[in-house]
Amino acid sequence: MNILIWLVVGGVIGWIASLIVGTDAQQGVLLNVIVGIVGALIGGWLISPMIGAGTINEGAFNLASLGVSLAGAVILLVIVNLIRRATARG
């Protein structure tokens, strides 16, 4: 049951992050889930130590963990967009 919740929450976080960054039209459901889960890993690695909150990957399900996971997903999408633009120019 935890895996199902993890996938659903990861998908929602990935979708919200794609709306914030403006890449929603380019992503499908599977990519939203991947972005949410990988974003939670990035958020846990970069942001979590600074504020002391967990992520959805660690089983924490509260507002702070959702915020950390969302911030990590936004960071991931911004980096991917920067790489896409750099390769399109070059």
PDB file of N, CA and C in Angstrom:
ATOM      1  N   MET A   1       0.817  -1.197   0.000  1.00  0.00           N
ATOM      2  CA  MET A   1       0.000   0.000   0.000  1.00  0.00           C
ATOM      3  C   MET A   1       0.860   1.258   0.000  1.00  0.00           C
ATOM      4  N   ASN A   2       2.021   1.219   0.699  1.00  0.00           N
ATOM      5  CA  ASN A   2       2.894   2.385   0.721  1.00  0.00           C
ATOM      6  C   ASN A   2       3.421   2.736  -0.660  1.00  0.00           C
ATOM      7  N   ILE A   3       3.697   1.727  -1.484  1.00  0.00           N
ATOM      8  CA  ILE A   3       4.201   1.992  -2.830  1.00  0.00           C
ATOM      9  C   ILE A   3       3.146   2.708  -3.660  1.00  0.00           C
ATOM     10  N   LEU A   4       1.907   2.328  -3.522  1.00  0.00           N
ATOM     11  CA  LEU A   4       0.826   2.991  -4.258  1.00  0.00           C
ATOM     12  C   LEU A   4       0.693   4.451  -3.838  1.00  0.00           C
ATOM     13  N   ILE A   5       0.738   4.708  -2.553  1.00  0.00           N
ATOM     14  CA  ILE A   5       0.675   6.085  -2.053  1.00  0.00           C
ATOM     15  C   ILE A   5       1.887   6.873  -2.532  1.00  0.00           C
ATOM     16  N   TRP A   6       3.057   6.245  -2.505  1.00  0.00           N
ATOM     17  CA  TRP A   6       4.300   6.865  -2.955  1.00  0.00           C
ATOM     18  C   TRP A   6       4.198   7.270  -4.421  1.00  0.00           C
ATOM     19  N   LEU A   7       3.640   6.389  -5.261  1.00  0.00           N
ATOM     20  CA  LEU A   7       3.487   6.685  -6.686  1.00  0.00           C
ATOM     21  C   LEU A   7       2.472   7.801  -6.931  1.00  0.00           C
ATOM     22  N   VAL A   8       1.364   7.752  -6.223  1.00  0.00           N
ATOM     23  CA  VAL A   8       0.329   8.775  -6.405  1.00  0.00           C
ATOM     24  C   VAL A   8       0.831  10.138  -5.949  1.00  0.00           C
ATOM     25  N   VAL A   9       1.430  10.193  -4.774  1.00  0.00           N
ATOM     26  CA  VAL A   9       1.944  11.472  -4.256  1.00  0.00           C
ATOM     27  C   VAL A   9       3.086  11.968  -5.137  1.00  0.00           C
ATOM     28  N   GLY A  10       3.959  11.079  -5.589  1.00  0.00           N
ATOM     29  CA  GLY A  10       5.028  11.460  -6.505  1.00  0.00           C
ATOM     30  C   GLY A  10       4.477  12.018  -7.806  1.00  0.00           C
ATOM     31  N   GLY A  11       3.416  11.413  -8.318  1.00  0.00           N
ATOM     32  CA  GLY A  11       2.779  11.907  -9.541  1.00  0.00           C
ATOM     33  C   GLY A  11       2.169  13.285  -9.360  1.00  0.00           C
ATOM     34  N   VAL A  12       1.517  13.499  -8.237  1.00  0.00           N
ATOM     35  CA  VAL A  12       0.910  14.808  -7.966  1.00  0.00           C
ATOM     36  C   VAL A  12       1.992  15.871  -7.791  1.00  0.00           C
ATOM     37  N   ILE A  13       3.056  15.539  -7.090  1.00  0.00           N
ATOM     38  CA  ILE A  13       4.155  16.489  -6.897  1.00  0.00           C
ATOM     39  C   ILE A  13       4.817  16.801  -8.234  1.00  0.00           C
ATOM     40  N   GLY A  14       5.042  15.790  -9.057  1.00  0.00           N
ATOM     41  CA  GLY A  14       5.614  16.005 -10.385  1.00  0.00           C
ATOM     42  C   GLY A  14       4.724  16.873 -11.255  1.00  0.00           C
ATOM     43  N   TRP A  15       3.415  16.668 -11.165  1.00  0.00           N
ATOM     44  CA  TRP A  15       2.460  17.460 -11.944  1.00  0.00           C
ATOM     45  C   TRP A  15       2.460  18.920 -11.484  1.00  0.00           C
ATOM     46  N   ILE A  16       2.443  19.140 -10.181  1.00  0.00           N
ATOM     47  CA  ILE A  16       2.461  20.512  -9.655  1.00  0.00           C
ATOM     48  C   ILE A  16       3.769  21.208 -10.035  1.00  0.00           C
ATOM     49  N   ALA A  17       4.877  20.488  -9.945  1.00  0.00           N
ATOM     50  CA  ALA A  17       6.174  21.068 -10.329  1.00  0.00           C
ATOM     51  C   ALA A  17       6.182  21.427 -11.813  1.00  0.00           C
ATOM     52  N   SER A  18       5.585  20.575 -12.645  1.00  0.00           N
ATOM     53  CA  SER A  18       5.550  20.876 -14.080  1.00  0.00           C
ATOM     54  C   SER A  18       4.657  22.074 -14.371  1.00  0.00           C
ATOM     55  N   LEU A  19       3.623  22.281 -13.575  1.00  0.00           N
ATOM     56  CA  LEU A  19       2.802  23.483 -13.729  1.00  0.00           C
ATOM     57  C   LEU A  19       3.578  24.736 -13.334  1.00  0.00           C
ATOM     58  N   ILE A  20       4.358  24.630 -12.269  1.00  0.00           N
ATOM     59  CA  ILE A  20       5.150  25.775 -11.801  1.00  0.00           C
ATOM     60  C   ILE A  20       6.204  26.155 -12.836  1.00  0.00           C
ATOM     61  N   VAL A  21       6.889  25.157 -13.391  1.00  0.00           N
ATOM     62  CA  VAL A  21       7.978  25.418 -14.331  1.00  0.00           C
ATOM     63  C   VAL A  21       7.446  25.696 -15.741  1.00  0.00           C
ATOM     64  N   GLY A  22       6.254  25.235 -16.045  1.00  0.00           N
ATOM     65  CA  GLY A  22       5.654  25.476 -17.354  1.00  0.00           C
ATOM     66  C   GLY A  22       5.915  24.375 -18.360  1.00  0.00           C
ATOM     67  N   THR A  23       6.164  23.165 -17.901  1.00  0.00           N
ATOM     68  CA  THR A  23       6.418  22.036 -18.802  1.00  0.00           C
ATOM     69  C   THR A  23       5.285  21.018 -18.782  1.00  0.00           C
ATOM     70  N   ASP A  24       4.126  21.403 -18.323  1.00  0.00           N
ATOM     71  CA  ASP A  24       3.030  20.449 -18.157  1.00  0.00           C
ATOM     72  C   ASP A  24       2.584  19.840 -19.482  1.00  0.00           C
ATOM     73  N   ALA A  25       2.592  20.617 -20.548  1.00  0.00           N
ATOM     74  CA  ALA A  25       2.136  20.103 -21.842  1.00  0.00           C
ATOM     75  C   ALA A  25       3.097  19.074 -22.419  1.00  0.00           C
ATOM     76  N   GLN A  26       4.343  19.057 -21.972  1.00  0.00           N
ATOM     77  CA  GLN A  26       5.351  18.156 -22.513  1.00  0.00           C
ATOM     78  C   GLN A  26       5.424  16.831 -21.758  1.00  0.00           C
ATOM     79  N   GLN A  27       4.786  16.725 -20.626  1.00  0.00           N
ATOM     80  CA  GLN A  27       4.923  15.561 -19.767  1.00  0.00           C
ATOM     81  C   GLN A  27       3.641  14.755 -19.701  1.00  0.00           C
ATOM     82  N   GLY A  28       3.793  13.459 -19.536  1.00  0.00           N
ATOM     83  CA  GLY A  28       2.668  12.583 -19.309  1.00  0.00           C
ATOM     84  C   GLY A  28       2.635  12.149 -17.854  1.00  0.00           C
ATOM     85  N   VAL A  29       1.752  11.238 -17.546  1.00  0.00           N
ATOM     86  CA  VAL A  29       1.575  10.773 -16.176  1.00  0.00           C
ATOM     87  C   VAL A  29       2.830  10.064 -15.670  1.00  0.00           C
ATOM     88  N   LEU A  30       3.406   9.196 -16.485  1.00  0.00           N
ATOM     89  CA  LEU A  30       4.590   8.452 -16.055  1.00  0.00           C
ATOM     90  C   LEU A  30       5.755   9.391 -15.768  1.00  0.00           C
ATOM     91  N   LEU A  31       5.955  10.380 -16.620  1.00  0.00           N
ATOM     92  CA  LEU A  31       7.047  11.326 -16.401  1.00  0.00           C
ATOM     93  C   LEU A  31       6.783  12.183 -15.167  1.00  0.00           C
ATOM     94  N   ASN A  32       5.533  12.510 -14.888  1.00  0.00           N
ATOM     95  CA  ASN A  32       5.210  13.247 -13.661  1.00  0.00           C
ATOM     96  C   ASN A  32       5.579  12.430 -12.422  1.00  0.00           C
ATOM     97  N   VAL A  33       5.298  11.135 -12.442  1.00  0.00           N
ATOM     98  CA  VAL A  33       5.644  10.272 -11.311  1.00  0.00           C
ATOM     99  C   VAL A  33       7.161  10.221 -11.144  1.00  0.00           C
ATOM    100  N   ILE A  34       7.873  10.050 -12.254  1.00  0.00           N
ATOM    101  CA  ILE A  34       9.338   9.986 -12.189  1.00  0.00           C
ATOM    102  C   ILE A  34       9.907  11.299 -11.670  1.00  0.00           C
ATOM    103  N   VAL A  35       9.400  12.425 -12.176  1.00  0.00           N
ATOM    104  CA  VAL A  35       9.876  13.736 -11.725  1.00  0.00           C
ATOM    105  C   VAL A  35       9.595  13.913 -10.238  1.00  0.00           C
ATOM    106  N   GLY A  36       8.433  13.505  -9.773  1.00  0.00           N
ATOM    107  CA  GLY A  36       8.101  13.633  -8.356  1.00  0.00           C
ATOM    108  C   GLY A  36       9.006  12.811  -7.463  1.00  0.00           C
ATOM    109  N   ILE A  37       9.301  11.583  -7.864  1.00  0.00           N
ATOM    110  CA  ILE A  37      10.129  10.707  -7.042  1.00  0.00           C
ATOM    111  C   ILE A  37      11.599  11.144  -7.082  1.00  0.00           C
ATOM    112  N   VAL A  38      12.115  11.427  -8.275  1.00  0.00           N
ATOM    113  CA  VAL A  38      13.504  11.879  -8.381  1.00  0.00           C
ATOM    114  C   VAL A  38      13.653  13.255  -7.728  1.00  0.00           C
ATOM    115  N   GLY A  39      12.643  14.099  -7.878  1.00  0.00           N
ATOM    116  CA  GLY A  39      12.666  15.401  -7.213  1.00  0.00           C
ATOM    117  C   GLY A  39      12.697  15.271  -5.702  1.00  0.00           C
ATOM    118  N   ALA A  40      12.000  14.284  -5.176  1.00  0.00           N
ATOM    119  CA  ALA A  40      12.045  14.047  -3.726  1.00  0.00           C
ATOM    120  C   ALA A  40      13.442  13.599  -3.294  1.00  0.00           C
ATOM    121  N   LEU A  41      14.100  12.822  -4.128  1.00  0.00           N
ATOM    122  CA  LEU A  41      15.480  12.431  -3.821  1.00  0.00           C
ATOM    123  C   LEU A  41      16.403  13.654  -3.814  1.00  0.00           C
ATOM    124  N   ILE A  42      16.250  14.517  -4.815  1.00  0.00           N
ATOM    125  CA  ILE A  42      17.072  15.731  -4.884  1.00  0.00           C
ATOM    126  C   ILE A  42      16.762  16.647  -3.706  1.00  0.00           C
ATOM    127  N   GLY A  43      15.489  16.816  -3.402  1.00  0.00           N
ATOM    128  CA  GLY A  43      15.105  17.640  -2.256  1.00  0.00           C
ATOM    129  C   GLY A  43      15.633  17.089  -0.950  1.00  0.00           C
ATOM    130  N   GLY A  44      15.623  15.764  -0.820  1.00  0.00           N
ATOM    131  CA  GLY A  44      16.156  15.145   0.386  1.00  0.00           C
ATOM    132  C   GLY A  44      17.654  15.312   0.510  1.00  0.00           C
ATOM    133  N   TRP A  45      18.322  15.371  -0.622  1.00  0.00           N
ATOM    134  CA  TRP A  45      19.773  15.514  -0.615  1.00  0.00           C
ATOM    135  C   TRP A  45      20.204  16.969  -0.408  1.00  0.00           C
ATOM    136  N   LEU A  46      19.489  17.921  -1.040  1.00  0.00           N
ATOM    137  CA  LEU A  46      19.878  19.329  -0.975  1.00  0.00           C
ATOM    138  C   LEU A  46      19.177  20.121   0.128  1.00  0.00           C
ATOM    139  N   ILE A  47      17.878  19.981   0.231  1.00  0.00           N
ATOM    140  CA  ILE A  47      17.079  20.871   1.069  1.00  0.00           C
ATOM    141  C   ILE A  47      16.823  20.300   2.460  1.00  0.00           C
ATOM    142  N   SER A  48      16.585  19.014   2.540  1.00  0.00           N
ATOM    143  CA  SER A  48      16.227  18.390   3.806  1.00  0.00           C
ATOM    144  C   SER A  48      17.241  18.615   4.918  1.00  0.00           C
ATOM    145  N   PRO A  49      18.547  18.515   4.654  1.00  0.00           N
ATOM    146  CA  PRO A  49      19.506  18.775   5.741  1.00  0.00           C
ATOM    147  C   PRO A  49      19.465  20.212   6.262  1.00  0.00           C
ATOM    148  N   MET A  50      19.094  21.148   5.403  1.00  0.00           N
ATOM    149  CA  MET A  50      19.050  22.550   5.827  1.00  0.00           C
ATOM    150  C   MET A  50      17.877  22.852   6.751  1.00  0.00           C
ATOM    151  N   ILE A  51      16.736  22.208   6.492  1.00  0.00           N
ATOM    152  CA  ILE A  51      15.555  22.538   7.290  1.00  0.00           C
ATOM    153  C   ILE A  51      15.130  21.416   8.231  1.00  0.00           C
ATOM    154  N   GLY A  52      15.730  20.255   8.082  1.00  0.00           N
ATOM    155  CA  GLY A  52      15.445  19.158   8.994  1.00  0.00           C
ATOM    156  C   GLY A  52      14.140  18.420   8.736  1.00  0.00           C
ATOM    157  N   ALA A  53      13.632  18.509   7.528  1.00  0.00           N
ATOM    158  CA  ALA A  53      12.390  17.810   7.187  1.00  0.00           C
ATOM    159  C   ALA A  53      12.700  16.608   6.314  1.00  0.00           C
ATOM    160  N   GLY A  54      11.870  15.607   6.356  1.00  0.00           N
ATOM    161  CA  GLY A  54      12.034  14.431   5.519  1.00  0.00           C
ATOM    162  C   GLY A  54      11.430  14.645   4.147  1.00  0.00           C
ATOM    163  N   THR A  55      11.381  13.573   3.357  1.00  0.00           N
ATOM    164  CA  THR A  55      10.751  13.615   2.043  1.00  0.00           C
ATOM    165  C   THR A  55       9.743  12.487   1.940  1.00  0.00           C
ATOM    166  N   ILE A  56       9.009  12.459   0.833  1.00  0.00           N
ATOM    167  CA  ILE A  56       8.057  11.374   0.635  1.00  0.00           C
ATOM    168  C   ILE A  56       8.776  10.049   0.451  1.00  0.00           C
ATOM    169  N   ASN A  57      10.012  10.075  -0.026  1.00  0.00           N
ATOM    170  CA  ASN A  57      10.778   8.842  -0.201  1.00  0.00           C
ATOM    171  C   ASN A  57      11.159   8.217   1.133  1.00  0.00           C
ATOM    172  N   GLU A  58      11.209   9.017   2.180  1.00  0.00           N
ATOM    173  CA  GLU A  58      11.555   8.520   3.502  1.00  0.00           C
ATOM    174  C   GLU A  58      10.325   8.095   4.295  1.00  0.00           C
ATOM    175  N   GLY A  59       9.169   8.167   3.695  1.00  0.00           N
ATOM    176  CA  GLY A  59       7.942   7.761   4.356  1.00  0.00           C
ATOM    177  C   GLY A  59       7.272   8.862   5.151  1.00  0.00           C
ATOM    178  N   ALA A  60       7.847  10.048   5.143  1.00  0.00           N
ATOM    179  CA  ALA A  60       7.226  11.173   5.849  1.00  0.00           C
ATOM    180  C   ALA A  60       6.104  11.732   4.985  1.00  0.00           C
ATOM    181  N   PHE A  61       4.977  11.976   5.591  1.00  0.00           N
ATOM    182  CA  PHE A  61       3.838  12.515   4.842  1.00  0.00           C
ATOM    183  C   PHE A  61       3.254  13.670   5.637  1.00  0.00           C
ATOM    184  N   ASN A  62       3.907  14.825   5.527  1.00  0.00           N
ATOM    185  CA  ASN A  62       3.406  16.030   6.157  1.00  0.00           C
ATOM    186  C   ASN A  62       3.700  17.208   5.230  1.00  0.00           C
ATOM    187  N   LEU A  63       3.305  18.386   5.617  1.00  0.00           N
ATOM    188  CA  LEU A  63       3.452  19.554   4.755  1.00  0.00           C
ATOM    189  C   LEU A  63       4.915  19.862   4.452  1.00  0.00           C
ATOM    190  N   ALA A  64       5.790  19.724   5.438  1.00  0.00           N
ATOM    191  CA  ALA A  64       7.213  20.001   5.214  1.00  0.00           C
ATOM    192  C   ALA A  64       7.817  19.012   4.219  1.00  0.00           C
ATOM    193  N   SER A  65       7.487  17.738   4.334  1.00  0.00           N
ATOM    194  CA  SER A  65       8.040  16.741   3.408  1.00  0.00           C
ATOM    195  C   SER A  65       7.510  16.942   1.997  1.00  0.00           C
ATOM    196  N   LEU A  66       6.254  17.319   1.872  1.00  0.00           N
ATOM    197  CA  LEU A  66       5.693  17.601   0.551  1.00  0.00           C
ATOM    198  C   LEU A  66       6.357  18.826  -0.070  1.00  0.00           C
ATOM    199  N   GLY A  67       6.632  19.837   0.751  1.00  0.00           N
ATOM    200  CA  GLY A  67       7.312  21.040   0.264  1.00  0.00           C
ATOM    201  C   GLY A  67       8.729  20.760  -0.185  1.00  0.00           C
ATOM    202  N   VAL A  68       9.458  19.947   0.576  1.00  0.00           N
ATOM    203  CA  VAL A  68      10.825  19.574   0.212  1.00  0.00           C
ATOM    204  C   VAL A  68      10.815  18.781  -1.094  1.00  0.00           C
ATOM    205  N   SER A  69       9.894  17.852  -1.219  1.00  0.00           N
ATOM    206  CA  SER A  69       9.798  17.046  -2.431  1.00  0.00           C
ATOM    207  C   SER A  69       9.420  17.905  -3.634  1.00  0.00           C
ATOM    208  N   LEU A  70       8.499  18.845  -3.444  1.00  0.00           N
ATOM    209  CA  LEU A  70       8.103  19.742  -4.524  1.00  0.00           C
ATOM    210  C   LEU A  70       9.260  20.642  -4.947  1.00  0.00           C
ATOM    211  N   ALA A  71       9.992  21.170  -3.998  1.00  0.00           N
ATOM    212  CA  ALA A  71      11.145  22.017  -4.321  1.00  0.00           C
ATOM    213  C   ALA A  71      12.201  21.228  -5.094  1.00  0.00           C
ATOM    214  N   GLY A  72      12.432  19.996  -4.703  1.00  0.00           N
ATOM    215  CA  GLY A  72      13.379  19.154  -5.431  1.00  0.00           C
ATOM    216  C   GLY A  72      12.919  18.867  -6.854  1.00  0.00           C
ATOM    217  N   ALA A  73      11.622  18.646  -7.035  1.00  0.00           N
ATOM    218  CA  ALA A  73      11.080  18.402  -8.371  1.00  0.00           C
ATOM    219  C   ALA A  73      11.193  19.651  -9.248  1.00  0.00           C
ATOM    220  N   VAL A  74      10.959  20.818  -8.673  1.00  0.00           N
ATOM    221  CA  VAL A  74      11.105  22.066  -9.427  1.00  0.00           C
ATOM    222  C   VAL A  74      12.566  22.255  -9.829  1.00  0.00           C
ATOM    223  N   ILE A  75      13.493  21.994  -8.913  1.00  0.00           N
ATOM    224  CA  ILE A  75      14.928  22.097  -9.223  1.00  0.00           C
ATOM    225  C   ILE A  75      15.282  21.152 -10.373  1.00  0.00           C
ATOM    226  N   LEU A  76      14.776  19.926 -10.323  1.00  0.00           N
ATOM    227  CA  LEU A  76      15.039  18.957 -11.378  1.00  0.00           C
ATOM    228  C   LEU A  76      14.542  19.454 -12.726  1.00  0.00           C
ATOM    229  N   LEU A  77      13.322  19.958 -12.782  1.00  0.00           N
ATOM    230  CA  LEU A  77      12.765  20.432 -14.049  1.00  0.00           C
ATOM    231  C   LEU A  77      13.497  21.656 -14.583  1.00  0.00           C
ATOM    232  N   VAL A  78      13.926  22.536 -13.704  1.00  0.00           N
ATOM    233  CA  VAL A  78      14.690  23.708 -14.145  1.00  0.00           C
ATOM    234  C   VAL A  78      16.019  23.261 -14.758  1.00  0.00           C
ATOM    235  N   ILE A  79      16.695  22.322 -14.124  1.00  0.00           N
ATOM    236  CA  ILE A  79      17.963  21.813 -14.655  1.00  0.00           C
ATOM    237  C   ILE A  79      17.748  21.138 -16.010  1.00  0.00           C
ATOM    238  N   VAL A  80      16.709  20.328 -16.124  1.00  0.00           N
ATOM    239  CA  VAL A  80      16.418  19.652 -17.391  1.00  0.00           C
ATOM    240  C   VAL A  80      16.118  20.679 -18.483  1.00  0.00           C
ATOM    241  N   ASN A  81      15.355  21.718 -18.167  1.00  0.00           N
ATOM    242  CA  ASN A  81      15.056  22.755 -19.160  1.00  0.00           C
ATOM    243  C   ASN A  81      16.307  23.498 -19.592  1.00  0.00           C
ATOM    244  N   LEU A  82      17.206  23.778 -18.662  1.00  0.00           N
ATOM    245  CA  LEU A  82      18.461  24.444 -19.014  1.00  0.00           C
ATOM    246  C   LEU A  82      19.304  23.573 -19.944  1.00  0.00           C
ATOM    247  N   ILE A  83      19.341  22.289 -19.677  1.00  0.00           N
ATOM    248  CA  ILE A  83      20.111  21.371 -20.537  1.00  0.00           C
ATOM    249  C   ILE A  83      19.468  21.278 -21.926  1.00  0.00           C
ATOM    250  N   ARG A  84      18.149  21.215 -21.972  1.00  0.00           N
ATOM    251  CA  ARG A  84      17.448  21.156 -23.267  1.00  0.00           C
ATOM    252  C   ARG A  84      17.725  22.401 -24.101  1.00  0.00           C
ATOM    253  N   ARG A  85      17.675  23.558 -23.485  1.00  0.00           N
ATOM    254  CA  ARG A  85      17.926  24.810 -24.211  1.00  0.00           C
ATOM    255  C   ARG A  85      19.367  24.886 -24.693  1.00  0.00           C
ATOM    256  N   ALA A  86      20.303  24.413 -23.869  1.00  0.00           N
ATOM    257  CA  ALA A  86      21.720  24.466 -24.253  1.00  0.00           C
ATOM    258  C   ALA A  86      22.001  23.534 -25.427  1.00  0.00           C
ATOM    259  N   THR A  87      21.373  22.351 -25.454  1.00  0.00           N
ATOM    260  CA  THR A  87      21.605  21.431 -26.554  1.00  0.00           C
ATOM    261  C   THR A  87      20.874  21.865 -27.821  1.00  0.00           C
ATOM    262  N   ALA A  88      19.758  22.581 -27.671  1.00  0.00           N
ATOM    263  CA  ALA A  88      19.026  23.062 -28.842  1.00  0.00           C
ATOM    264  C   ALA A  88      19.789  24.187 -29.543  1.00  0.00           C
ATOM    265  N   ARG A  89      20.521  24.971 -28.801  1.00  0.00           N
ATOM    266  CA  ARG A  89      21.303  26.067 -29.368  1.00  0.00           C
ATOM    267  C   ARG A  89      22.587  25.585 -30.029  1.00  0.00           C
ATOM    268  N   GLY A  90      23.178  24.572 -29.421  1.00  0.00           N
ATOM    269  CA  GLY A  90      24.502  24.136 -29.868  1.00  0.00           C
ATOM    270  C   GLY A  90      24.445  23.112 -30.900  1.00  0.00           C
TER     271      GLY A  90
END
